[in-house]
Every structure is written in C-alpha cells, then in structure tokens.
Amino acid sequence: MTELTVFFFRHGLAVEREMFAGSDSDRPLTAKGEKKTQQIARRLLDLGIEAELILSSPLVRARQTAEILLEVGVAPELIISDLLAPSGSLQEWLRWLSHWRQEHAGALMAVGHEPNLSHWAELLTCGKALGHIELKKAGIIGLKIPETDPLGNSQLFWLTSPKLLLSGRGLA
C-alpha cells in the first residue's frame, strides 16, 4: 500500500474581520502576512519541501497564500477548489484525492482554513476530531495518507508553527 504525502498549510495572516468592510471570503492577507508567507515558502524549499500540486480554497486569503507558494516554487501548479473552502467536506476531498493520486505520485500542498485543517488531520490520524491540534496562520501539517482506509490510519509526521519555521532553530 502506497502512502501519499499531503501538507495542510493554513493561509497567512489576513486582515481582521472587524477591520474589513467586505465579505469574509474577500479578506486579503496583510502586508505582514504576505511577507511572512514568502519567508516560510522559501524556508520550505530550503528544507526540501516541495509538492506536485497546490490545491487551494477559493477565499482570497487562501488563494493569495497559495499564489505565494507557487511563485516561490513550492509546486509548479495551482488549482483553486471549493473542497478546501470553510464549507468543504473531508469525505468529498478524500474522493478527489483518491482520483488525483491515481495519476500523481508527488506530494500535495492543500491550502485552507481552521478549524477544517486541524480537524481533518485529527480525523485522518485518530479517527475523530478531538480539538487537540491547532494550526497557526501560515503553519503546516505533514501527513502520510494510505491509499485505502485513510480515516484513523494516516500518519502525522510534521506539525510546525510559522514561528519555528522563521526562526530556523531545531531544523536542519
């Protein structure tokens, strides 16, 4: 049984809801959020983290994050998908993933939102969402997802905050 490497990447720092007059789906990254996301993307490359595809939520802050990852070279391709929107379903995403992995062997970078990404990681690794994982903005979760029966049988191999990635401490 082959495992697929999937990275869940939470969008970067965005304009606060209270400070934004438009729709929540249109909230962009802040200038600081863009800069930190660029730094983190470059650090991922330094660590040898690359993907075959970036799949991103259509919300502006996630799409901007994914575009930064693409520009820096974390992956050569970007697809925008409602599967990673806050209303997205893990079951629907897993169906998409099952089809995608039939033709692709490289890693996938999935850019989305909380609490979805943390809950999905817990469901994939523990079989239930316990609320014990918190993914910070521009943080990353690395999972090894088996080809069959991924719920409760996936392996969490990486959970890193943006602060640790930017400090570079403990990473070699």
C-alpha atoms as a PDB file:
ATOM      1  CA  MET A   1       0.000   0.000   0.000  1.00  0.00           C
ATOM      2  CA  THR A   2       1.466   3.325  -1.044  1.00  0.00           C
ATOM      3  CA  GLU A   3       1.237   6.413   1.080  1.00  0.00           C
ATOM      4  CA  LEU A   4       0.789   9.910  -0.259  1.00  0.00           C
ATOM      5  CA  THR A   5       2.433  12.895   1.395  1.00  0.00           C
ATOM      6  CA  VAL A   6      -0.021  15.725   1.988  1.00  0.00           C
ATOM      7  CA  PHE A   7       0.788  19.055   3.580  1.00  0.00           C
ATOM      8  CA  PHE A   8      -2.030  21.102   5.092  1.00  0.00           C
ATOM      9  CA  PHE A   9      -0.998  24.766   5.004  1.00  0.00           C
ATOM     10  CA  ARG A  10      -3.138  27.352   6.763  1.00  0.00           C
ATOM     11  CA  HIS A  11      -3.441  30.688   4.996  1.00  0.00           C
ATOM     12  CA  GLY A  12      -1.215  33.537   6.131  1.00  0.00           C
ATOM     13  CA  LEU A  13      -2.117  36.442   8.392  1.00  0.00           C
ATOM     14  CA  ALA A  14      -5.192  38.204   6.981  1.00  0.00           C
ATOM     15  CA  VAL A  15      -6.971  41.469   7.669  1.00  0.00           C
ATOM     16  CA  GLU A  16      -9.123  41.069  10.793  1.00  0.00           C
ATOM     17  CA  ARG A  17     -12.859  40.590  10.224  1.00  0.00           C
ATOM     18  CA  GLU A  18     -13.704  43.656  12.312  1.00  0.00           C
ATOM     19  CA  MET A  19     -11.392  45.810  10.181  1.00  0.00           C
ATOM     20  CA  PHE A  20     -12.747  44.640   6.825  1.00  0.00           C
ATOM     21  CA  ALA A  21     -15.940  46.092   5.356  1.00  0.00           C
ATOM     22  CA  GLY A  22     -16.449  43.436   2.689  1.00  0.00           C
ATOM     23  CA  SER A  23     -17.398  39.785   2.736  1.00  0.00           C
ATOM     24  CA  ASP A  24     -15.317  37.393   4.851  1.00  0.00           C
ATOM     25  CA  SER A  25     -14.454  35.428   1.707  1.00  0.00           C
ATOM     26  CA  ASP A  26     -12.802  38.578   0.281  1.00  0.00           C
ATOM     27  CA  ARG A  27     -10.493  39.295   3.250  1.00  0.00           C
ATOM     28  CA  PRO A  28      -6.919  39.562   1.920  1.00  0.00           C
ATOM     29  CA  LEU A  29      -3.578  38.875   3.519  1.00  0.00           C
ATOM     30  CA  THR A  30      -1.975  41.784   5.314  1.00  0.00           C
ATOM     31  CA  ALA A  31       1.382  43.101   4.074  1.00  0.00           C
ATOM     32  CA  LYS A  32       2.960  41.351   7.080  1.00  0.00           C
ATOM     33  CA  GLY A  33       1.070  38.164   6.194  1.00  0.00           C
ATOM     34  CA  GLU A  34       2.373  38.274   2.625  1.00  0.00           C
ATOM     35  CA  LYS A  35       5.960  38.844   3.767  1.00  0.00           C
ATOM     36  CA  LYS A  36       5.888  36.054   6.368  1.00  0.00           C
ATOM     37  CA  THR A  37       4.257  33.634   3.932  1.00  0.00           C
ATOM     38  CA  GLN A  38       7.007  34.365   1.393  1.00  0.00           C
ATOM     39  CA  GLN A  39       9.673  33.749   4.045  1.00  0.00           C
ATOM     40  CA  ILE A  40       8.021  30.494   5.101  1.00  0.00           C
ATOM     41  CA  ALA A  41       7.674  29.338   1.487  1.00  0.00           C
ATOM     42  CA  ARG A  42      11.397  29.941   0.924  1.00  0.00           C
ATOM     43  CA  ARG A  43      12.177  28.079   4.160  1.00  0.00           C
ATOM     44  CA  LEU A  44      10.108  25.116   2.983  1.00  0.00           C
ATOM     45  CA  LEU A  45      12.231  24.950  -0.162  1.00  0.00           C
ATOM     46  CA  ASP A  46      15.396  25.159   1.966  1.00  0.00           C
ATOM     47  CA  LEU A  47      14.099  22.116   3.857  1.00  0.00           C
ATOM     48  CA  GLY A  48      13.394  20.243   0.635  1.00  0.00           C
ATOM     49  CA  ILE A  49       9.613  20.511   0.967  1.00  0.00           C
ATOM     50  CA  GLU A  50       8.079  20.544  -2.493  1.00  0.00           C
ATOM     51  CA  ALA A  51       4.772  19.405  -3.916  1.00  0.00           C
ATOM     52  CA  GLU A  52       3.449  18.369  -7.289  1.00  0.00           C
ATOM     53  CA  LEU A  53       0.310  20.468  -6.829  1.00  0.00           C
ATOM     54  CA  ILE A  54      -1.075  23.218  -4.626  1.00  0.00           C
ATOM     55  CA  LEU A  55      -4.815  22.842  -4.056  1.00  0.00           C
ATOM     56  CA  SER A  56      -6.323  25.962  -2.510  1.00  0.00           C
ATOM     57  CA  SER A  57      -9.534  27.259  -1.054  1.00  0.00           C
ATOM     58  CA  PRO A  58     -11.079  29.968  -3.262  1.00  0.00           C
ATOM     59  CA  LEU A  59     -11.206  32.503  -0.406  1.00  0.00           C
ATOM     60  CA  VAL A  60      -8.920  35.448  -1.156  1.00  0.00           C
ATOM     61  CA  ARG A  61      -6.539  34.958   1.796  1.00  0.00           C
ATOM     62  CA  ALA A  62      -6.001  31.272   0.974  1.00  0.00           C
ATOM     63  CA  ARG A  63      -5.675  31.932  -2.747  1.00  0.00           C
ATOM     64  CA  GLN A  64      -3.069  34.654  -2.081  1.00  0.00           C
ATOM     65  CA  THR A  65      -1.167  32.255   0.188  1.00  0.00           C
ATOM     66  CA  ALA A  66      -1.251  29.555  -2.495  1.00  0.00           C
ATOM     67  CA  GLU A  67      -0.084  32.021  -5.150  1.00  0.00           C
ATOM     68  CA  ILE A  68       2.918  32.924  -2.976  1.00  0.00           C
ATOM     69  CA  LEU A  69       3.775  29.228  -2.564  1.00  0.00           C
ATOM     70  CA  LEU A  70       3.501  28.841  -6.346  1.00  0.00           C
ATOM     71  CA  GLU A  71       5.645  31.927  -7.091  1.00  0.00           C
ATOM     72  CA  VAL A  72       8.389  30.792  -4.705  1.00  0.00           C
ATOM     73  CA  GLY A  73       8.419  27.378  -6.377  1.00  0.00           C
ATOM     74  CA  VAL A  74       6.966  25.058  -3.740  1.00  0.00           C
ATOM     75  CA  ALA A  75       4.908  23.462  -6.546  1.00  0.00           C
ATOM     76  CA  PRO A  76       4.596  24.001 -10.308  1.00  0.00           C
ATOM     77  CA  GLU A  77       0.796  24.047 -10.424  1.00  0.00           C
ATOM     78  CA  LEU A  78      -2.123  25.598  -8.538  1.00  0.00           C
ATOM     79  CA  ILE A  79      -5.766  24.545  -8.609  1.00  0.00           C
ATOM     80  CA  ILE A  80      -8.476  26.526  -6.801  1.00  0.00           C
ATOM     81  CA  SER A  81     -11.157  24.297  -5.283  1.00  0.00           C
ATOM     82  CA  ASP A  82     -14.252  24.677  -3.134  1.00  0.00           C
ATOM     83  CA  LEU A  83     -13.202  21.418  -1.440  1.00  0.00           C
ATOM     84  CA  LEU A  84     -10.889  23.472   0.808  1.00  0.00           C
ATOM     85  CA  ALA A  85     -13.335  26.307   1.497  1.00  0.00           C
ATOM     86  CA  PRO A  86     -14.582  26.532   5.105  1.00  0.00           C
ATOM     87  CA  SER A  87     -17.712  24.650   3.983  1.00  0.00           C
ATOM     88  CA  GLY A  88     -15.613  21.858   2.445  1.00  0.00           C
ATOM     89  CA  SER A  89     -16.188  18.204   3.290  1.00  0.00           C
ATOM     90  CA  LEU A  90     -13.376  15.819   4.226  1.00  0.00           C
ATOM     91  CA  GLN A  91     -15.225  12.955   2.519  1.00  0.00           C
ATOM     92  CA  GLU A  92     -15.506  14.901  -0.744  1.00  0.00           C
ATOM     93  CA  TRP A  93     -11.831  15.927  -0.527  1.00  0.00           C
ATOM     94  CA  LEU A  94     -10.830  12.294   0.069  1.00  0.00           C
ATOM     95  CA  ARG A  95     -12.802  11.245  -3.031  1.00  0.00           C
ATOM     96  CA  TRP A  96     -10.983  13.906  -5.056  1.00  0.00           C
ATOM     97  CA  LEU A  97      -7.644  12.815  -3.540  1.00  0.00           C
ATOM     98  CA  SER A  98      -8.310   9.182  -4.444  1.00  0.00           C
ATOM     99  CA  HIS A  99      -8.793  10.133  -8.107  1.00  0.00           C
ATOM    100  CA  TRP A 100      -5.846  12.553  -8.158  1.00  0.00           C
ATOM    101  CA  ARG A 101      -3.387  10.075  -6.694  1.00  0.00           C
ATOM    102  CA  GLN A 102      -4.153   7.523  -9.423  1.00  0.00           C
ATOM    103  CA  GLU A 103      -2.140   9.679 -11.842  1.00  0.00           C
ATOM    104  CA  HIS A 104       0.200  11.517  -9.470  1.00  0.00           C
ATOM    105  CA  ALA A 105       2.894  10.301  -7.100  1.00  0.00           C
ATOM    106  CA  GLY A 106       4.201  13.619  -5.797  1.00  0.00           C
ATOM    107  CA  ALA A 107       3.199  15.427  -2.634  1.00  0.00           C
ATOM    108  CA  LEU A 108       0.132  17.652  -2.389  1.00  0.00           C
ATOM    109  CA  MET A 109       0.031  21.049  -0.662  1.00  0.00           C
ATOM    110  CA  ALA A 110      -3.531  21.857   0.480  1.00  0.00           C
ATOM    111  CA  VAL A 111      -4.095  25.498   1.486  1.00  0.00           C
ATOM    112  CA  GLY A 112      -7.131  26.137   3.627  1.00  0.00           C
ATOM    113  CA  HIS A 113      -8.636  27.294   6.893  1.00  0.00           C
ATOM    114  CA  GLU A 114      -9.155  26.488  10.520  1.00  0.00           C
ATOM    115  CA  PRO A 115     -10.735  24.599  12.086  1.00  0.00           C
ATOM    116  CA  ASN A 116     -11.052  22.373   8.990  1.00  0.00           C
ATOM    117  CA  LEU A 117      -7.378  21.554   8.523  1.00  0.00           C
ATOM    118  CA  SER A 118      -6.779  20.627  12.164  1.00  0.00           C
ATOM    119  CA  HIS A 119     -10.000  18.631  12.378  1.00  0.00           C
ATOM    120  CA  TRP A 120      -9.220  16.820   9.140  1.00  0.00           C
ATOM    121  CA  ALA A 121      -5.713  15.974  10.392  1.00  0.00           C
ATOM    122  CA  GLU A 122      -7.204  14.540  13.587  1.00  0.00           C
ATOM    123  CA  LEU A 123      -9.835  12.549  11.697  1.00  0.00           C
ATOM    124  CA  LEU A 124      -7.183  11.167   9.384  1.00  0.00           C
ATOM    125  CA  THR A 125      -4.787  10.221  12.186  1.00  0.00           C
ATOM    126  CA  CYS A 126      -7.074   9.427  15.142  1.00  0.00           C
ATOM    127  CA  GLY A 127     -10.412   8.681  13.518  1.00  0.00           C
ATOM    128  CA  LYS A 128     -12.115  11.562  15.342  1.00  0.00           C
ATOM    129  CA  ALA A 129     -11.671  15.301  15.774  1.00  0.00           C
ATOM    130  CA  LEU A 130     -10.565  15.883  19.340  1.00  0.00           C
ATOM    131  CA  GLY A 131      -9.693  19.569  19.129  1.00  0.00           C
ATOM    132  CA  HIS A 132      -6.113  18.899  20.283  1.00  0.00           C
ATOM    133  CA  ILE A 133      -4.339  20.227  17.183  1.00  0.00           C
ATOM    134  CA  GLU A 134      -4.185  23.939  16.475  1.00  0.00           C
ATOM    135  CA  LEU A 135      -2.688  25.102  13.220  1.00  0.00           C
ATOM    136  CA  LYS A 136      -1.411  28.664  13.381  1.00  0.00           C
ATOM    137  CA  LYS A 137      -1.722  31.007  10.407  1.00  0.00           C
ATOM    138  CA  ALA A 138       0.952  30.018   7.849  1.00  0.00           C
ATOM    139  CA  GLY A 139       1.601  26.846   9.843  1.00  0.00           C
ATOM    140  CA  ILE A 140       1.910  23.428   8.263  1.00  0.00           C
ATOM    141  CA  ILE A 141       0.850  19.858   8.997  1.00  0.00           C
ATOM    142  CA  GLY A 142       2.508  16.951   7.189  1.00  0.00           C
ATOM    143  CA  LEU A 143       0.581  13.701   6.765  1.00  0.00           C
ATOM    144  CA  LYS A 144       1.256  10.332   5.162  1.00  0.00           C
ATOM    145  CA  ILE A 145      -2.114   9.161   3.828  1.00  0.00           C
ATOM    146  CA  PRO A 146      -2.570   5.498   2.899  1.00  0.00           C
ATOM    147  CA  GLU A 147      -4.214   4.573  -0.373  1.00  0.00           C
ATOM    148  CA  THR A 148      -7.122   2.808   1.310  1.00  0.00           C
ATOM    149  CA  ASP A 149      -8.990   3.470   4.550  1.00  0.00           C
ATOM    150  CA  PRO A 150      -7.247   6.771   5.425  1.00  0.00           C
ATOM    151  CA  LEU A 151      -9.531   7.756   8.337  1.00  0.00           C
ATOM    152  CA  GLY A 152      -7.730   6.870  11.551  1.00  0.00           C
ATOM    153  CA  ASN A 153      -4.873   5.253   9.624  1.00  0.00           C
ATOM    154  CA  SER A 154      -2.886   8.232   8.378  1.00  0.00           C
ATOM    155  CA  GLN A 155       0.360   9.293   9.984  1.00  0.00           C
ATOM    156  CA  LEU A 156       1.125  12.771  11.271  1.00  0.00           C
ATOM    157  CA  PHE A 157       4.824  13.372  10.685  1.00  0.00           C
ATOM    158  CA  TRP A 158       5.064  17.140  10.909  1.00  0.00           C
ATOM    159  CA  LEU A 159       3.273  19.955  12.749  1.00  0.00           C
ATOM    160  CA  THR A 160       5.183  23.212  12.635  1.00  0.00           C
ATOM    161  CA  SER A 161       4.319  26.744  13.610  1.00  0.00           C
ATOM    162  CA  PRO A 162       5.365  29.644  11.401  1.00  0.00           C
ATOM    163  CA  LYS A 163       7.457  30.984  14.279  1.00  0.00           C
ATOM    164  CA  LEU A 164       9.610  27.851  14.319  1.00  0.00           C
ATOM    165  CA  LEU A 165       9.984  27.880  10.524  1.00  0.00           C
ATOM    166  CA  LEU A 166      11.060  31.514  10.573  1.00  0.00           C
ATOM    167  CA  SER A 167      13.486  31.042  13.455  1.00  0.00           C
ATOM    168  CA  GLY A 168      15.154  28.075  11.794  1.00  0.00           C
ATOM    169  CA  ARG A 169      16.001  26.636  15.221  1.00  0.00           C
ATOM    170  CA  GLY A 170      15.864  22.909  15.520  1.00  0.00           C
ATOM    171  CA  LEU A 171      15.576  22.454  11.775  1.00  0.00           C
ATOM    172  CA  ALA A 172      18.448  21.084   9.753  1.00  0.00           C
END
